[in-house]
Amino acid sequence: MSKRLTVAEAEKFAKKIFSRYKNKADKEFYISHSRAVAETASILASRKKVDKDVLIMAGWLHDIGSIVDRKNHAEHSIELLEKEGYIISRALRDCILNHGKSKNPTTAEGKIF
């Protein structure tokens, strides 16, 4: 069964994944980093005609794959969401897969993120 993501569900899922870190400092870092990225994305979204919820969800979810492998964490983030049965929109996928250096986002949200 596919599940629809909401901002609240994205935050809840990210915190659940980050709680798997044994090291308290890692857990706290990823939660505070994701919160800050989500808040910054929200501010940026309010200045453009884009889906603000997608950017906030991307802020929470973009690094969840680091629990699996830091180097390929974006791809693992998508895999974790799919394994959990979440529907991932094109824009959200674009944000997650294309964050960082030398990427090529195609959606308006991805370009902001």
PDB file of N, CA and C in Angstrom:
ATOM      1  N   MET A   1       0.834  -1.184   0.000  1.00  0.00           N
ATOM      2  CA  MET A   1       0.000   0.000   0.000  1.00  0.00           C
ATOM      3  C   MET A   1       0.876   1.244   0.000  1.00  0.00           C
ATOM      4  N   SER A   2       0.612   2.145  -0.910  1.00  0.00           N
ATOM      5  CA  SER A   2       1.381   3.379  -1.006  1.00  0.00           C
ATOM      6  C   SER A   2       0.852   4.409  -0.019  1.00  0.00           C
ATOM      7  N   LYS A   3       1.792   5.127   0.566  1.00  0.00           N
ATOM      8  CA  LYS A   3       1.424   6.150   1.544  1.00  0.00           C
ATOM      9  C   LYS A   3       1.814   7.525   1.004  1.00  0.00           C
ATOM     10  N   ARG A   4       0.940   8.487   1.231  1.00  0.00           N
ATOM     11  CA  ARG A   4       1.196   9.859   0.806  1.00  0.00           C
ATOM     12  C   ARG A   4       2.021  10.563   1.876  1.00  0.00           C
ATOM     13  N   LEU A   5       3.048  11.250   1.442  1.00  0.00           N
ATOM     14  CA  LEU A   5       3.877  12.007   2.378  1.00  0.00           C
ATOM     15  C   LEU A   5       3.271  13.366   2.672  1.00  0.00           C
ATOM     16  N   THR A   6       3.361  13.768   3.916  1.00  0.00           N
ATOM     17  CA  THR A   6       3.002  15.119   4.332  1.00  0.00           C
ATOM     18  C   THR A   6       4.223  15.688   5.030  1.00  0.00           C
ATOM     19  N   VAL A   7       4.208  16.974   5.305  1.00  0.00           N
ATOM     20  CA  VAL A   7       5.318  17.585   6.031  1.00  0.00           C
ATOM     21  C   VAL A   7       5.478  16.927   7.398  1.00  0.00           C
ATOM     22  N   ALA A   8       4.388  16.727   8.098  1.00  0.00           N
ATOM     23  CA  ALA A   8       4.448  16.115   9.437  1.00  0.00           C
ATOM     24  C   ALA A   8       4.986  14.689   9.365  1.00  0.00           C
ATOM     25  N   GLU A   9       4.551  13.939   8.358  1.00  0.00           N
ATOM     26  CA  GLU A   9       5.017  12.556   8.205  1.00  0.00           C
ATOM     27  C   GLU A   9       6.494  12.511   7.825  1.00  0.00           C
ATOM     28  N   ALA A  10       6.937  13.451   6.995  1.00  0.00           N
ATOM     29  CA  ALA A  10       8.355  13.514   6.612  1.00  0.00           C
ATOM     30  C   ALA A  10       9.227  13.773   7.840  1.00  0.00           C
ATOM     31  N   GLU A  11       8.819  14.710   8.675  1.00  0.00           N
ATOM     32  CA  GLU A  11       9.571  15.003   9.902  1.00  0.00           C
ATOM     33  C   GLU A  11       9.600  13.786  10.823  1.00  0.00           C
ATOM     34  N   LYS A  12       8.461  13.171  11.009  1.00  0.00           N
ATOM     35  CA  LYS A  12       8.361  11.992  11.873  1.00  0.00           C
ATOM     36  C   LYS A  12       9.239  10.850  11.362  1.00  0.00           C
ATOM     37  N   PHE A  13       9.201  10.595  10.053  1.00  0.00           N
ATOM     38  CA  PHE A  13       9.983   9.515   9.467  1.00  0.00           C
ATOM     39  C   PHE A  13      11.483   9.806   9.585  1.00  0.00           C
ATOM     40  N   ALA A  14      11.879  11.040   9.300  1.00  0.00           N
ATOM     41  CA  ALA A  14      13.293  11.410   9.406  1.00  0.00           C
ATOM     42  C   ALA A  14      13.797  11.204  10.835  1.00  0.00           C
ATOM     43  N   LYS A  15      13.037  11.656  11.812  1.00  0.00           N
ATOM     44  CA  LYS A  15      13.444  11.489  13.212  1.00  0.00           C
ATOM     45  C   LYS A  15      13.536  10.008  13.589  1.00  0.00           C
ATOM     46  N   LYS A  16      12.626   9.208  13.047  1.00  0.00           N
ATOM     47  CA  LYS A  16      12.662   7.763  13.297  1.00  0.00           C
ATOM     48  C   LYS A  16      13.948   7.161  12.733  1.00  0.00           C
ATOM     49  N   ILE A  17      14.296   7.537  11.513  1.00  0.00           N
ATOM     50  CA  ILE A  17      15.515   7.012  10.893  1.00  0.00           C
ATOM     51  C   ILE A  17      16.744   7.488  11.664  1.00  0.00           C
ATOM     52  N   PHE A  18      16.809   8.768  11.985  1.00  0.00           N
ATOM     53  CA  PHE A  18      17.979   9.303  12.685  1.00  0.00           C
ATOM     54  C   PHE A  18      18.121   8.740  14.097  1.00  0.00           C
ATOM     55  N   SER A  19      17.025   8.275  14.672  1.00  0.00           N
ATOM     56  CA  SER A  19      17.103   7.687  16.015  1.00  0.00           C
ATOM     57  C   SER A  19      17.860   6.361  16.001  1.00  0.00           C
ATOM     58  N   ARG A  20      18.113   5.809  14.810  1.00  0.00           N
ATOM     59  CA  ARG A  20      18.870   4.556  14.687  1.00  0.00           C
ATOM     60  C   ARG A  20      20.361   4.755  14.971  1.00  0.00           C
ATOM     61  N   TYR A  21      20.823   6.005  14.901  1.00  0.00           N
ATOM     62  CA  TYR A  21      22.235   6.255  15.196  1.00  0.00           C
ATOM     63  C   TYR A  21      22.520   5.913  16.651  1.00  0.00           C
ATOM     64  N   LYS A  22      23.539   5.146  16.855  1.00  0.00           N
ATOM     65  CA  LYS A  22      23.933   4.779  18.222  1.00  0.00           C
ATOM     66  C   LYS A  22      24.577   5.966  18.931  1.00  0.00           C
ATOM     67  N   ASN A  23      25.327   6.765  18.174  1.00  0.00           N
ATOM     68  CA  ASN A  23      26.011   7.927  18.714  1.00  0.00           C
ATOM     69  C   ASN A  23      25.015   9.085  18.852  1.00  0.00           C
ATOM     70  N   LYS A  24      24.835   9.559  20.058  1.00  0.00           N
ATOM     71  CA  LYS A  24      23.874  10.635  20.333  1.00  0.00           C
ATOM     72  C   LYS A  24      24.203  11.903  19.539  1.00  0.00           C
ATOM     73  N   ALA A  25      25.493  12.205  19.392  1.00  0.00           N
ATOM     74  CA  ALA A  25      25.900  13.406  18.654  1.00  0.00           C
ATOM     75  C   ALA A  25      25.486  13.322  17.188  1.00  0.00           C
ATOM     76  N   ASP A  26      25.628  12.147  16.570  1.00  0.00           N
ATOM     77  CA  ASP A  26      25.201  11.973  15.177  1.00  0.00           C
ATOM     78  C   ASP A  26      23.691  12.160  15.050  1.00  0.00           C
ATOM     79  N   LYS A  27      22.958  11.539  15.939  1.00  0.00           N
ATOM     80  CA  LYS A  27      21.493  11.663  15.941  1.00  0.00           C
ATOM     81  C   LYS A  27      21.086  13.129  16.064  1.00  0.00           C
ATOM     82  N   GLU A  28      21.655  13.825  17.029  1.00  0.00           N
ATOM     83  CA  GLU A  28      21.309  15.234  17.241  1.00  0.00           C
ATOM     84  C   GLU A  28      21.725  16.107  16.058  1.00  0.00           C
ATOM     85  N   PHE A  29      22.892  15.805  15.483  1.00  0.00           N
ATOM     86  CA  PHE A  29      23.339  16.580  14.317  1.00  0.00           C
ATOM     87  C   PHE A  29      22.347  16.456  13.176  1.00  0.00           C
ATOM     88  N   TYR A  30      22.000  15.235  12.796  1.00  0.00           N
ATOM     89  CA  TYR A  30      21.125  15.046  11.641  1.00  0.00           C
ATOM     90  C   TYR A  30      19.736  15.630  11.864  1.00  0.00           C
ATOM     91  N   ILE A  31      19.228  15.541  13.071  1.00  0.00           N
ATOM     92  CA  ILE A  31      17.914  16.136  13.341  1.00  0.00           C
ATOM     93  C   ILE A  31      17.994  17.655  13.257  1.00  0.00           C
ATOM     94  N   SER A  32      18.993  18.257  13.883  1.00  0.00           N
ATOM     95  CA  SER A  32      19.088  19.728  13.858  1.00  0.00           C
ATOM     96  C   SER A  32      19.437  20.226  12.450  1.00  0.00           C
ATOM     97  N   HIS A  33      20.298  19.519  11.747  1.00  0.00           N
ATOM     98  CA  HIS A  33      20.643  19.899  10.366  1.00  0.00           C
ATOM     99  C   HIS A  33      19.400  19.835   9.477  1.00  0.00           C
ATOM    100  N   SER A  34      18.661  18.755   9.562  1.00  0.00           N
ATOM    101  CA  SER A  34      17.467  18.597   8.728  1.00  0.00           C
ATOM    102  C   SER A  34      16.418  19.643   9.054  1.00  0.00           C
ATOM    103  N   ARG A  35      16.243  19.947  10.331  1.00  0.00           N
ATOM    104  CA  ARG A  35      15.300  20.996  10.744  1.00  0.00           C
ATOM    105  C   ARG A  35      15.719  22.345  10.137  1.00  0.00           C
ATOM    106  N   ALA A  36      17.005  22.647  10.211  1.00  0.00           N
ATOM    107  CA  ALA A  36      17.508  23.923   9.679  1.00  0.00           C
ATOM    108  C   ALA A  36      17.338  23.998   8.160  1.00  0.00           C
ATOM    109  N   VAL A  37      17.610  22.900   7.473  1.00  0.00           N
ATOM    110  CA  VAL A  37      17.441  22.875   6.017  1.00  0.00           C
ATOM    111  C   VAL A  37      15.966  23.040   5.661  1.00  0.00           C
ATOM    112  N   ALA A  38      15.086  22.366   6.389  1.00  0.00           N
ATOM    113  CA  ALA A  38      13.641  22.487   6.136  1.00  0.00           C
ATOM    114  C   ALA A  38      13.166  23.921   6.354  1.00  0.00           C
ATOM    115  N   GLU A  39      13.637  24.548   7.421  1.00  0.00           N
ATOM    116  CA  GLU A  39      13.248  25.938   7.704  1.00  0.00           C
ATOM    117  C   GLU A  39      13.784  26.890   6.642  1.00  0.00           C
ATOM    118  N   THR A  40      15.022  26.702   6.219  1.00  0.00           N
ATOM    119  CA  THR A  40      15.609  27.539   5.174  1.00  0.00           C
ATOM    120  C   THR A  40      14.883  27.338   3.851  1.00  0.00           C
ATOM    121  N   ALA A  41      14.582  26.096   3.519  1.00  0.00           N
ATOM    122  CA  ALA A  41      13.853  25.795   2.287  1.00  0.00           C
ATOM    123  C   ALA A  41      12.474  26.452   2.301  1.00  0.00           C
ATOM    124  N   SER A  42      11.837  26.465   3.460  1.00  0.00           N
ATOM    125  CA  SER A  42      10.528  27.103   3.595  1.00  0.00           C
ATOM    126  C   SER A  42      10.614  28.603   3.296  1.00  0.00           C
ATOM    127  N   ILE A  43      11.638  29.235   3.812  1.00  0.00           N
ATOM    128  CA  ILE A  43      11.837  30.671   3.564  1.00  0.00           C
ATOM    129  C   ILE A  43      12.074  30.926   2.083  1.00  0.00           C
ATOM    130  N   LEU A  44      12.937  30.132   1.480  1.00  0.00           N
ATOM    131  CA  LEU A  44      13.220  30.292   0.054  1.00  0.00           C
ATOM    132  C   LEU A  44      11.979  30.040  -0.789  1.00  0.00           C
ATOM    133  N   ALA A  45      11.192  29.057  -0.416  1.00  0.00           N
ATOM    134  CA  ALA A  45       9.979  28.714  -1.169  1.00  0.00           C
ATOM    135  C   ALA A  45       8.961  29.840  -1.135  1.00  0.00           C
ATOM    136  N   SER A  46       8.916  30.581  -0.034  1.00  0.00           N
ATOM    137  CA  SER A  46       7.923  31.651   0.081  1.00  0.00           C
ATOM    138  C   SER A  46       8.212  32.799  -0.885  1.00  0.00           C
ATOM    139  N   ARG A  47       9.407  32.821  -1.441  1.00  0.00           N
ATOM    140  CA  ARG A  47       9.789  33.885  -2.378  1.00  0.00           C
ATOM    141  C   ARG A  47       9.616  33.479  -3.833  1.00  0.00           C
ATOM    142  N   LYS A  48       9.233  32.231  -4.071  1.00  0.00           N
ATOM    143  CA  LYS A  48       9.076  31.711  -5.435  1.00  0.00           C
ATOM    144  C   LYS A  48       7.732  31.016  -5.566  1.00  0.00           C
ATOM    145  N   LYS A  49       7.328  30.764  -6.802  1.00  0.00           N
ATOM    146  CA  LYS A  49       6.090  30.024  -7.047  1.00  0.00           C
ATOM    147  C   LYS A  49       6.435  28.548  -7.184  1.00  0.00           C
ATOM    148  N   VAL A  50       6.633  27.914  -6.028  1.00  0.00           N
ATOM    149  CA  VAL A  50       6.974  26.494  -5.983  1.00  0.00           C
ATOM    150  C   VAL A  50       6.169  25.835  -4.873  1.00  0.00           C
ATOM    151  N   ASP A  51       6.245  24.523  -4.815  1.00  0.00           N
ATOM    152  CA  ASP A  51       5.543  23.767  -3.786  1.00  0.00           C
ATOM    153  C   ASP A  51       6.370  23.807  -2.497  1.00  0.00           C
ATOM    154  N   LYS A  52       5.952  24.638  -1.579  1.00  0.00           N
ATOM    155  CA  LYS A  52       6.668  24.829  -0.319  1.00  0.00           C
ATOM    156  C   LYS A  52       6.765  23.529   0.473  1.00  0.00           C
ATOM    157  N   ASP A  53       5.697  22.730   0.477  1.00  0.00           N
ATOM    158  CA  ASP A  53       5.709  21.467   1.226  1.00  0.00           C
ATOM    159  C   ASP A  53       6.782  20.515   0.704  1.00  0.00           C
ATOM    160  N   VAL A  54       6.979  20.480  -0.605  1.00  0.00           N
ATOM    161  CA  VAL A  54       8.011  19.611  -1.179  1.00  0.00           C
ATOM    162  C   VAL A  54       9.384  20.016  -0.653  1.00  0.00           C
ATOM    163  N   LEU A  55       9.646  21.308  -0.617  1.00  0.00           N
ATOM    164  CA  LEU A  55      10.941  21.784  -0.141  1.00  0.00           C
ATOM    165  C   LEU A  55      11.142  21.498   1.348  1.00  0.00           C
ATOM    166  N   ILE A  56      10.101  21.646   2.131  1.00  0.00           N
ATOM    167  CA  ILE A  56      10.209  21.348   3.566  1.00  0.00           C
ATOM    168  C   ILE A  56      10.438  19.844   3.767  1.00  0.00           C
ATOM    169  N   MET A  57       9.670  19.027   3.037  1.00  0.00           N
ATOM    170  CA  MET A  57       9.859  17.575   3.152  1.00  0.00           C
ATOM    171  C   MET A  57      11.274  17.181   2.720  1.00  0.00           C
ATOM    172  N   ALA A  58      11.778  17.780   1.664  1.00  0.00           N
ATOM    173  CA  ALA A  58      13.139  17.490   1.200  1.00  0.00           C
ATOM    174  C   ALA A  58      14.155  17.865   2.278  1.00  0.00           C
ATOM    175  N   GLY A  59      13.908  18.961   2.966  1.00  0.00           N
ATOM    176  CA  GLY A  59      14.795  19.354   4.053  1.00  0.00           C
ATOM    177  C   GLY A  59      14.894  18.275   5.115  1.00  0.00           C
ATOM    178  N   TRP A  60      13.771  17.701   5.458  1.00  0.00           N
ATOM    179  CA  TRP A  60      13.758  16.638   6.468  1.00  0.00           C
ATOM    180  C   TRP A  60      14.341  15.339   5.961  1.00  0.00           C
ATOM    181  N   LEU A  61      14.126  15.014   4.691  1.00  0.00           N
ATOM    182  CA  LEU A  61      14.414  13.670   4.188  1.00  0.00           C
ATOM    183  C   LEU A  61      15.707  13.524   3.388  1.00  0.00           C
ATOM    184  N   HIS A  62      16.328  14.603   2.999  1.00  0.00           N
ATOM    185  CA  HIS A  62      17.444  14.517   2.058  1.00  0.00           C
ATOM    186  C   HIS A  62      18.640  13.713   2.561  1.00  0.00           C
ATOM    187  N   ASP A  63      18.848  13.639   3.859  1.00  0.00           N
ATOM    188  CA  ASP A  63      20.019  12.937   4.404  1.00  0.00           C
ATOM    189  C   ASP A  63      19.686  11.641   5.144  1.00  0.00           C
ATOM    190  N   ILE A  64      18.445  11.169   5.079  1.00  0.00           N
ATOM    191  CA  ILE A  64      18.121   9.952   5.840  1.00  0.00           C
ATOM    192  C   ILE A  64      18.931   8.749   5.380  1.00  0.00           C
ATOM    193  N   GLY A  65      19.335   8.727   4.117  1.00  0.00           N
ATOM    194  CA  GLY A  65      20.113   7.614   3.585  1.00  0.00           C
ATOM    195  C   GLY A  65      21.514   7.528   4.150  1.00  0.00           C
ATOM    196  N   SER A  66      21.947   8.547   4.852  1.00  0.00           N
ATOM    197  CA  SER A  66      23.288   8.520   5.463  1.00  0.00           C
ATOM    198  C   SER A  66      23.383   7.431   6.526  1.00  0.00           C
ATOM    199  N   ILE A  67      22.254   6.969   7.027  1.00  0.00           N
ATOM    200  CA  ILE A  67      22.261   5.871   8.001  1.00  0.00           C
ATOM    201  C   ILE A  67      22.765   4.580   7.345  1.00  0.00           C
ATOM    202  N   VAL A  68      22.604   4.488   6.012  1.00  0.00           N
ATOM    203  CA  VAL A  68      23.035   3.319   5.252  1.00  0.00           C
ATOM    204  C   VAL A  68      24.471   3.512   4.751  1.00  0.00           C
ATOM    205  N   ASP A  69      24.701   4.654   4.081  1.00  0.00           N
ATOM    206  CA  ASP A  69      25.996   4.918   3.451  1.00  0.00           C
ATOM    207  C   ASP A  69      26.095   6.412   3.160  1.00  0.00           C
ATOM    208  N   ARG A  70      27.079   7.055   3.712  1.00  0.00           N
ATOM    209  CA  ARG A  70      27.212   8.506   3.546  1.00  0.00           C
ATOM    210  C   ARG A  70      27.492   8.904   2.095  1.00  0.00           C
ATOM    211  N   LYS A  71      28.351   8.146   1.421  1.00  0.00           N
ATOM    212  CA  LYS A  71      28.748   8.525   0.063  1.00  0.00           C
ATOM    213  C   LYS A  71      27.559   8.541  -0.906  1.00  0.00           C
ATOM    214  N   ASN A  72      26.706   7.552  -0.833  1.00  0.00           N
ATOM    215  CA  ASN A  72      25.545   7.445  -1.733  1.00  0.00           C
ATOM    216  C   ASN A  72      24.243   7.687  -0.986  1.00  0.00           C
ATOM    217  N   HIS A  73      24.278   8.608  -0.045  1.00  0.00           N
ATOM    218  CA  HIS A  73      23.124   8.780   0.845  1.00  0.00           C
ATOM    219  C   HIS A  73      21.860   9.251   0.136  1.00  0.00           C
ATOM    220  N   ALA A  74      21.990  10.023  -0.930  1.00  0.00           N
ATOM    221  CA  ALA A  74      20.785  10.504  -1.620  1.00  0.00           C
ATOM    222  C   ALA A  74      19.993   9.336  -2.209  1.00  0.00           C
ATOM    223  N   GLU A  75      20.689   8.431  -2.871  1.00  0.00           N
ATOM    224  CA  GLU A  75      20.030   7.260  -3.449  1.00  0.00           C
ATOM    225  C   GLU A  75      19.421   6.388  -2.349  1.00  0.00           C
ATOM    226  N   HIS A  76      20.144   6.234  -1.248  1.00  0.00           N
ATOM    227  CA  HIS A  76      19.626   5.442  -0.135  1.00  0.00           C
ATOM    228  C   HIS A  76      18.418   6.124   0.524  1.00  0.00           C
ATOM    229  N   SER A  77      18.391   7.440   0.499  1.00  0.00           N
ATOM    230  CA  SER A  77      17.224   8.155   1.034  1.00  0.00           C
ATOM    231  C   SER A  77      15.975   7.770   0.260  1.00  0.00           C
ATOM    232  N   ILE A  78      16.088   7.758  -1.062  1.00  0.00           N
ATOM    233  CA  ILE A  78      14.956   7.354  -1.910  1.00  0.00           C
ATOM    234  C   ILE A  78      14.570   5.906  -1.626  1.00  0.00           C
ATOM    235  N   GLU A  79      15.564   5.030  -1.526  1.00  0.00           N
ATOM    236  CA  GLU A  79      15.288   3.614  -1.256  1.00  0.00           C
ATOM    237  C   GLU A  79      14.560   3.422   0.073  1.00  0.00           C
ATOM    238  N   LEU A  80      14.973   4.135   1.106  1.00  0.00           N
ATOM    239  CA  LEU A  80      14.307   4.018   2.411  1.00  0.00           C
ATOM    240  C   LEU A  80      12.848   4.456   2.324  1.00  0.00           C
ATOM    241  N   LEU A  81      12.591   5.540   1.613  1.00  0.00           N
ATOM    242  CA  LEU A  81      11.222   6.023   1.450  1.00  0.00           C
ATOM    243  C   LEU A  81      10.374   5.021   0.663  1.00  0.00           C
ATOM    244  N   GLU A  82      10.939   4.485  -0.415  1.00  0.00           N
ATOM    245  CA  GLU A  82      10.196   3.509  -1.225  1.00  0.00           C
ATOM    246  C   GLU A  82       9.937   2.230  -0.446  1.00  0.00           C
ATOM    247  N   LYS A  83      10.932   1.780   0.314  1.00  0.00           N
ATOM    248  CA  LYS A  83      10.777   0.566   1.118  1.00  0.00           C
ATOM    249  C   LYS A  83       9.641   0.732   2.133  1.00  0.00           C
ATOM    250  N   GLU A  84       9.481   1.948   2.632  1.00  0.00           N
ATOM    251  CA  GLU A  84       8.425   2.235   3.602  1.00  0.00           C
ATOM    252  C   GLU A  84       7.062   2.416   2.921  1.00  0.00           C
ATOM    253  N   GLY A  85       7.059   2.462   1.582  1.00  0.00           N
ATOM    254  CA  GLY A  85       5.802   2.550   0.837  1.00  0.00           C
ATOM    255  C   GLY A  85       5.327   3.959   0.535  1.00  0.00           C
ATOM    256  N   TYR A  86       6.205   4.944   0.669  1.00  0.00           N
ATOM    257  CA  TYR A  86       5.809   6.323   0.398  1.00  0.00           C
ATOM    258  C   TYR A  86       5.810   6.621  -1.094  1.00  0.00           C
ATOM    259  N   ILE A  87       4.859   7.425  -1.505  1.00  0.00           N
ATOM    260  CA  ILE A  87       4.812   7.949  -2.864  1.00  0.00           C
ATOM    261  C   ILE A  87       5.759   9.147  -2.888  1.00  0.00           C
ATOM    262  N   ILE A  88       6.694   9.128  -3.827  1.00  0.00           N
ATOM    263  CA  ILE A  88       7.681  10.208  -3.918  1.00  0.00           C
ATOM    264  C   ILE A  88       7.408  10.973  -5.207  1.00  0.00           C
ATOM    265  N   SER A  89       7.024  12.222  -5.086  1.00  0.00           N
ATOM    266  CA  SER A  89       6.741  13.027  -6.273  1.00  0.00           C
ATOM    267  C   SER A  89       8.027  13.281  -7.062  1.00  0.00           C
ATOM    268  N   ARG A  90       7.852  13.649  -8.303  1.00  0.00           N
ATOM    269  CA  ARG A  90       9.004  13.964  -9.161  1.00  0.00           C
ATOM    270  C   ARG A  90       9.839  15.089  -8.543  1.00  0.00           C
ATOM    271  N   ALA A  91       9.175  16.105  -8.030  1.00  0.00           N
ATOM    272  CA  ALA A  91       9.892  17.245  -7.452  1.00  0.00           C
ATOM    273  C   ALA A  91      10.662  16.848  -6.192  1.00  0.00           C
ATOM    274  N   LEU A  92      10.058  16.043  -5.336  1.00  0.00           N
ATOM    275  CA  LEU A  92      10.744  15.619  -4.120  1.00  0.00           C
ATOM    276  C   LEU A  92      11.941  14.743  -4.466  1.00  0.00           C
ATOM    277  N   ARG A  93      11.758  13.823  -5.397  1.00  0.00           N
ATOM    278  CA  ARG A  93      12.858  12.968  -5.851  1.00  0.00           C
ATOM    279  C   ARG A  93      14.002  13.832  -6.406  1.00  0.00           C
ATOM    280  N   ASP A  94      13.651  14.839  -7.183  1.00  0.00           N
ATOM    281  CA  ASP A  94      14.642  15.739  -7.772  1.00  0.00           C
ATOM    282  C   ASP A  94      15.429  16.480  -6.682  1.00  0.00           C
ATOM    283  N   CYS A  95      14.728  16.950  -5.673  1.00  0.00           N
ATOM    284  CA  CYS A  95      15.392  17.649  -4.561  1.00  0.00           C
ATOM    285  C   CYS A  95      16.381  16.732  -3.848  1.00  0.00           C
ATOM    286  N   ILE A  96      15.930  15.552  -3.510  1.00  0.00           N
ATOM    287  CA  ILE A  96      16.764  14.623  -2.740  1.00  0.00           C
ATOM    288  C   ILE A  96      17.963  14.154  -3.559  1.00  0.00           C
ATOM    289  N   LEU A  97      17.731  13.741  -4.788  1.00  0.00           N
ATOM    290  CA  LEU A  97      18.815  13.183  -5.595  1.00  0.00           C
ATOM    291  C   LEU A  97      19.813  14.226  -6.085  1.00  0.00           C
ATOM    292  N   ASN A  98      19.400  15.476  -6.148  1.00  0.00           N
ATOM    293  CA  ASN A  98      20.263  16.505  -6.718  1.00  0.00           C
ATOM    294  C   ASN A  98      20.760  17.537  -5.723  1.00  0.00           C
ATOM    295  N   HIS A  99      20.655  17.251  -4.434  1.00  0.00           N
ATOM    296  CA  HIS A  99      21.234  18.214  -3.494  1.00  0.00           C
ATOM    297  C   HIS A  99      22.735  18.002  -3.426  1.00  0.00           C
ATOM    298  N   GLY A 100      23.428  19.063  -3.231  1.00  0.00           N
ATOM    299  CA  GLY A 100      24.882  18.974  -3.170  1.00  0.00           C
ATOM    300  C   GLY A 100      25.541  19.560  -4.397  1.00  0.00           C
ATOM    301  N   LYS A 101      26.817  19.325  -4.523  1.00  0.00           N
ATOM    302  CA  LYS A 101      27.619  19.891  -5.606  1.00  0.00           C
ATOM    303  C   LYS A 101      27.478  19.090  -6.897  1.00  0.00           C
ATOM    304  N   SER A 102      27.675  19.784  -8.002  1.00  0.00           N
ATOM    305  CA  SER A 102      27.745  19.166  -9.330  1.00  0.00           C
ATOM    306  C   SER A 102      26.546  18.289  -9.661  1.00  0.00           C
ATOM    307  N   LYS A 103      25.376  18.739  -9.335  1.00  0.00           N
ATOM    308  CA  LYS A 103      24.157  18.001  -9.638  1.00  0.00           C
ATOM    309  C   LYS A 103      23.380  18.738 -10.717  1.00  0.00           C
ATOM    310  N   ASN A 104      22.332  18.115 -11.217  1.00  0.00           N
ATOM    311  CA  ASN A 104      21.577  18.693 -12.311  1.00  0.00           C
ATOM    312  C   ASN A 104      20.071  18.585 -12.067  1.00  0.00           C
ATOM    313  N   PRO A 105      19.528  19.382 -11.144  1.00  0.00           N
ATOM    314  CA  PRO A 105      18.086  19.330 -10.889  1.00  0.00           C
ATOM    315  C   PRO A 105      17.290  19.816 -12.099  1.00  0.00           C
ATOM    316  N   THR A 106      16.087  19.279 -12.245  1.00  0.00           N
ATOM    317  CA  THR A 106      15.250  19.647 -13.393  1.00  0.00           C
ATOM    318  C   THR A 106      13.962  20.370 -13.000  1.00  0.00           C
ATOM    319  N   THR A 107      13.540  20.268 -11.749  1.00  0.00           N
ATOM    320  CA  THR A 107      12.308  20.931 -11.321  1.00  0.00           C
ATOM    321  C   THR A 107      12.646  22.258 -10.643  1.00  0.00           C
ATOM    322  N   ALA A 108      11.675  23.124 -10.565  1.00  0.00           N
ATOM    323  CA  ALA A 108      11.882  24.411  -9.889  1.00  0.00           C
ATOM    324  C   ALA A 108      12.279  24.188  -8.426  1.00  0.00           C
ATOM    325  N   GLU A 109      11.633  23.208  -7.788  1.00  0.00           N
ATOM    326  CA  GLU A 109      11.954  22.898  -6.394  1.00  0.00           C
ATOM    327  C   GLU A 109      13.382  22.371  -6.266  1.00  0.00           C
ATOM    328  N   GLY A 110      13.754  21.492  -7.163  1.00  0.00           N
ATOM    329  CA  GLY A 110      15.105  20.928  -7.150  1.00  0.00           C
ATOM    330  C   GLY A 110      16.175  21.986  -7.338  1.00  0.00           C
ATOM    331  N   LYS A 111      15.919  22.961  -8.188  1.00  0.00           N
ATOM    332  CA  LYS A 111      16.883  24.030  -8.430  1.00  0.00           C
ATOM    333  C   LYS A 111      17.050  24.913  -7.188  1.00  0.00           C
ATOM    334  N   ILE A 112      15.985  25.128  -6.454  1.00  0.00           N
ATOM    335  CA  ILE A 112      16.092  25.888  -5.202  1.00  0.00           C
ATOM    336  C   ILE A 112      16.810  25.072  -4.146  1.00  0.00           C
ATOM    337  N   PHE A 113      16.443  23.816  -4.036  1.00  0.00           N
ATOM    338  CA  PHE A 113      17.004  22.978  -2.992  1.00  0.00           C
ATOM    339  C   PHE A 113      18.486  22.737  -3.212  1.00  0.00           C
TER     340      PHE A 113
END
